[in-house]
Amino acid sequence: MLGAIVAIVRGKEDIVLFRHRLGKDRILKAITLTMIALFLVVFMTMALAMTVNSPLLDILFDVTSAFGTVGLTMGLTPHLSDVGKLMIALTMFAGRLGPITLAYALGRKPERELYRYPEGKITIG
């Protein structure tokens, strides 16, 4: 993703790292993975923040640790309710399984498109 940012800032069309060009599909998968992971961590942090009376940074640390299946905690997990512990367990499961695998498992099966729209040129930024 950093290579894509550098390529865009430099005005290049191809993303090249270590003398290898990366395909646009790889960059889209990396962005998708990052956004799904970020959304999941933020969502679980906000959901736990509504149910637990603890500092937000402690909750964020525990959720991020659960998503990364690291095993570290700020001491918050033993004091969670049953629903909070279930949310942490689901976060651990999603982090271990992987966001892309989870999205593919829950998503619809890809179908062959009958037609494609023309590419639009939109000015961004």
C-alpha atoms as a PDB file:
ATOM      1  CA  MET A   1       0.000   0.000   0.000  1.00  0.00           C
ATOM      2  CA  LEU A   2       2.890   2.356   0.691  1.00  0.00           C
ATOM      3  CA  GLY A   3       4.228   1.592  -2.767  1.00  0.00           C
ATOM      4  CA  ALA A   4       0.860   2.562  -4.245  1.00  0.00           C
ATOM      5  CA  ILE A   5       0.880   5.836  -2.328  1.00  0.00           C
ATOM      6  CA  VAL A   6       4.393   6.642  -3.531  1.00  0.00           C
ATOM      7  CA  ALA A   7       3.464   5.766  -7.125  1.00  0.00           C
ATOM      8  CA  ILE A   8       0.374   7.979  -7.012  1.00  0.00           C
ATOM      9  CA  VAL A   9       2.292  10.912  -5.514  1.00  0.00           C
ATOM     10  CA  ARG A  10       4.971  10.577  -8.194  1.00  0.00           C
ATOM     11  CA  GLY A  11       2.340  10.353 -10.923  1.00  0.00           C
ATOM     12  CA  LYS A  12       3.296   6.861 -12.066  1.00  0.00           C
ATOM     13  CA  GLU A  13       0.824   4.351 -13.355  1.00  0.00           C
ATOM     14  CA  ASP A  14       2.645   1.189 -12.255  1.00  0.00           C
ATOM     15  CA  ILE A  15       3.557   0.226  -8.710  1.00  0.00           C
ATOM     16  CA  VAL A  16       7.118  -1.126  -8.691  1.00  0.00           C
ATOM     17  CA  LEU A  17       8.801  -2.618  -5.630  1.00  0.00           C
ATOM     18  CA  PHE A  18      12.222  -4.301  -5.739  1.00  0.00           C
ATOM     19  CA  ARG A  19      12.178  -4.316  -9.564  1.00  0.00           C
ATOM     20  CA  HIS A  20       8.815  -6.107  -9.696  1.00  0.00           C
ATOM     21  CA  ARG A  21       5.591  -4.546 -10.894  1.00  0.00           C
ATOM     22  CA  LEU A  22       2.568  -5.212  -8.705  1.00  0.00           C
ATOM     23  CA  GLY A  23      -0.797  -5.795 -10.318  1.00  0.00           C
ATOM     24  CA  LYS A  24      -3.717  -3.535  -9.541  1.00  0.00           C
ATOM     25  CA  ASP A  25      -5.693  -6.517  -8.231  1.00  0.00           C
ATOM     26  CA  ARG A  26      -3.060  -7.046  -5.501  1.00  0.00           C
ATOM     27  CA  ILE A  27      -3.276  -3.415  -4.467  1.00  0.00           C
ATOM     28  CA  LEU A  28      -7.087  -3.582  -4.340  1.00  0.00           C
ATOM     29  CA  LYS A  29      -6.894  -6.727  -2.166  1.00  0.00           C
ATOM     30  CA  ALA A  30      -4.426  -5.019   0.180  1.00  0.00           C
ATOM     31  CA  ILE A  31      -6.664  -1.964   0.503  1.00  0.00           C
ATOM     32  CA  THR A  32      -9.726  -4.164   1.039  1.00  0.00           C
ATOM     33  CA  LEU A  33      -7.964  -6.209   3.717  1.00  0.00           C
ATOM     34  CA  THR A  34      -6.801  -3.084   5.525  1.00  0.00           C
ATOM     35  CA  MET A  35     -10.218  -1.421   5.425  1.00  0.00           C
ATOM     36  CA  ILE A  36     -12.063  -4.534   6.646  1.00  0.00           C
ATOM     37  CA  ALA A  37      -9.575  -4.992   9.495  1.00  0.00           C
ATOM     38  CA  LEU A  38      -9.734  -1.321  10.442  1.00  0.00           C
ATOM     39  CA  PHE A  39     -13.532  -1.302  10.352  1.00  0.00           C
ATOM     40  CA  LEU A  40     -13.737  -4.428  12.508  1.00  0.00           C
ATOM     41  CA  VAL A  41     -11.321  -3.098  15.139  1.00  0.00           C
ATOM     42  CA  VAL A  42     -13.028   0.308  15.291  1.00  0.00           C
ATOM     43  CA  PHE A  43     -16.514  -1.237  15.404  1.00  0.00           C
ATOM     44  CA  MET A  44     -15.623  -3.673  18.198  1.00  0.00           C
ATOM     45  CA  THR A  45     -13.837  -0.915  20.135  1.00  0.00           C
ATOM     46  CA  MET A  46     -16.883   1.354  19.960  1.00  0.00           C
ATOM     47  CA  ALA A  47     -19.253  -1.477  20.860  1.00  0.00           C
ATOM     48  CA  LEU A  48     -17.163  -2.408  23.894  1.00  0.00           C
ATOM     49  CA  ALA A  49     -16.802   1.245  24.878  1.00  0.00           C
ATOM     50  CA  MET A  50     -20.590   1.456  25.178  1.00  0.00           C
ATOM     51  CA  THR A  51     -20.733  -1.528  27.532  1.00  0.00           C
ATOM     52  CA  VAL A  52     -17.568  -1.095  29.634  1.00  0.00           C
ATOM     53  CA  ASN A  53     -16.569   1.785  31.886  1.00  0.00           C
ATOM     54  CA  SER A  54     -12.840   1.841  31.023  1.00  0.00           C
ATOM     55  CA  PRO A  55     -10.482   4.206  29.202  1.00  0.00           C
ATOM     56  CA  LEU A  56     -10.852   4.054  25.428  1.00  0.00           C
ATOM     57  CA  LEU A  57      -7.145   3.371  24.944  1.00  0.00           C
ATOM     58  CA  ASP A  58      -7.345   0.244  27.135  1.00  0.00           C
ATOM     59  CA  ILE A  59     -10.329  -1.018  25.157  1.00  0.00           C
ATOM     60  CA  LEU A  60      -8.585  -0.291  21.836  1.00  0.00           C
ATOM     61  CA  PHE A  61      -5.465  -2.129  23.030  1.00  0.00           C
ATOM     62  CA  ASP A  62      -7.436  -5.209  24.061  1.00  0.00           C
ATOM     63  CA  VAL A  63      -9.445  -5.299  20.828  1.00  0.00           C
ATOM     64  CA  THR A  64      -6.340  -4.823  18.668  1.00  0.00           C
ATOM     65  CA  SER A  65      -4.546  -7.523  20.636  1.00  0.00           C
ATOM     66  CA  ALA A  66      -7.519  -9.849  20.192  1.00  0.00           C
ATOM     67  CA  PHE A  67      -7.667  -9.168  16.441  1.00  0.00           C
ATOM     68  CA  GLY A  68      -3.954  -9.870  16.092  1.00  0.00           C
ATOM     69  CA  THR A  69      -4.302 -12.933  18.366  1.00  0.00           C
ATOM     70  CA  VAL A  70      -1.362 -11.626  20.369  1.00  0.00           C
ATOM     71  CA  GLY A  71      -2.541 -12.578  23.847  1.00  0.00           C
ATOM     72  CA  LEU A  72      -1.751  -9.285  25.575  1.00  0.00           C
ATOM     73  CA  THR A  73      -4.271  -7.378  27.664  1.00  0.00           C
ATOM     74  CA  MET A  74      -4.496  -4.265  29.805  1.00  0.00           C
ATOM     75  CA  GLY A  75      -6.403  -6.278  32.426  1.00  0.00           C
ATOM     76  CA  LEU A  76      -9.773  -5.411  30.924  1.00  0.00           C
ATOM     77  CA  THR A  77     -10.807  -8.805  29.583  1.00  0.00           C
ATOM     78  CA  PRO A  78     -11.472 -10.549  32.935  1.00  0.00           C
ATOM     79  CA  HIS A  79     -13.806  -7.700  33.943  1.00  0.00           C
ATOM     80  CA  LEU A  80     -15.960  -7.839  30.809  1.00  0.00           C
ATOM     81  CA  SER A  81     -19.542  -9.051  30.800  1.00  0.00           C
ATOM     82  CA  ASP A  82     -20.451 -12.249  28.987  1.00  0.00           C
ATOM     83  CA  VAL A  83     -21.429 -10.237  25.907  1.00  0.00           C
ATOM     84  CA  GLY A  84     -18.103  -8.382  26.018  1.00  0.00           C
ATOM     85  CA  LYS A  85     -16.175 -11.638  26.294  1.00  0.00           C
ATOM     86  CA  LEU A  86     -18.130 -13.015  23.344  1.00  0.00           C
ATOM     87  CA  MET A  87     -17.262  -9.907  21.314  1.00  0.00           C
ATOM     88  CA  ILE A  88     -13.572 -10.335  22.146  1.00  0.00           C
ATOM     89  CA  ALA A  89     -13.789 -14.028  21.202  1.00  0.00           C
ATOM     90  CA  LEU A  90     -15.417 -13.171  17.861  1.00  0.00           C
ATOM     91  CA  THR A  91     -12.717 -10.572  17.235  1.00  0.00           C
ATOM     92  CA  MET A  92     -10.055 -13.189  17.951  1.00  0.00           C
ATOM     93  CA  PHE A  93     -11.771 -15.634  15.592  1.00  0.00           C
ATOM     94  CA  ALA A  94     -12.059 -13.047  12.814  1.00  0.00           C
ATOM     95  CA  GLY A  95      -8.419 -12.032  13.259  1.00  0.00           C
ATOM     96  CA  ARG A  96      -7.218 -15.612  13.165  1.00  0.00           C
ATOM     97  CA  LEU A  97      -9.359 -16.570  10.210  1.00  0.00           C
ATOM     98  CA  GLY A  98      -8.500 -13.423   8.299  1.00  0.00           C
ATOM     99  CA  PRO A  99     -10.768 -10.632   7.083  1.00  0.00           C
ATOM    100  CA  ILE A 100     -10.551 -11.592   3.405  1.00  0.00           C
ATOM    101  CA  THR A 101     -11.397 -15.239   4.097  1.00  0.00           C
ATOM    102  CA  LEU A 102     -14.281 -14.123   6.280  1.00  0.00           C
ATOM    103  CA  ALA A 103     -15.559 -11.712   3.629  1.00  0.00           C
ATOM    104  CA  TYR A 104     -15.371 -14.385   0.915  1.00  0.00           C
ATOM    105  CA  ALA A 105     -17.157 -16.890   3.136  1.00  0.00           C
ATOM    106  CA  LEU A 106     -19.978 -14.484   3.966  1.00  0.00           C
ATOM    107  CA  GLY A 107     -20.224 -12.899   0.512  1.00  0.00           C
ATOM    108  CA  ARG A 108     -22.099 -14.041  -2.544  1.00  0.00           C
ATOM    109  CA  LYS A 109     -20.542 -16.276  -5.130  1.00  0.00           C
ATOM    110  CA  PRO A 110     -19.016 -14.305  -8.017  1.00  0.00           C
ATOM    111  CA  GLU A 111     -21.106 -14.334 -11.149  1.00  0.00           C
ATOM    112  CA  ARG A 112     -19.933 -13.550 -14.629  1.00  0.00           C
ATOM    113  CA  GLU A 113     -20.998 -10.050 -15.568  1.00  0.00           C
ATOM    114  CA  LEU A 114     -23.048  -9.765 -18.730  1.00  0.00           C
ATOM    115  CA  TYR A 115     -21.726  -6.291 -19.519  1.00  0.00           C
ATOM    116  CA  ARG A 116     -19.166  -3.744 -18.297  1.00  0.00           C
ATOM    117  CA  TYR A 117     -19.629  -0.020 -17.882  1.00  0.00           C
ATOM    118  CA  PRO A 118     -17.155   2.306 -19.579  1.00  0.00           C
ATOM    119  CA  GLU A 119     -14.314   3.562 -17.408  1.00  0.00           C
ATOM    120  CA  GLY A 120     -14.993   6.977 -15.937  1.00  0.00           C
ATOM    121  CA  LYS A 121     -12.316   9.596 -15.356  1.00  0.00           C
ATOM    122  CA  ILE A 122     -13.070  11.327 -12.058  1.00  0.00           C
ATOM    123  CA  THR A 123     -10.887  14.026 -10.555  1.00  0.00           C
ATOM    124  CA  ILE A 124     -10.081  13.156  -6.937  1.00  0.00           C
ATOM    125  CA  GLY A 125      -8.353  15.600  -4.608  1.00  0.00           C
END
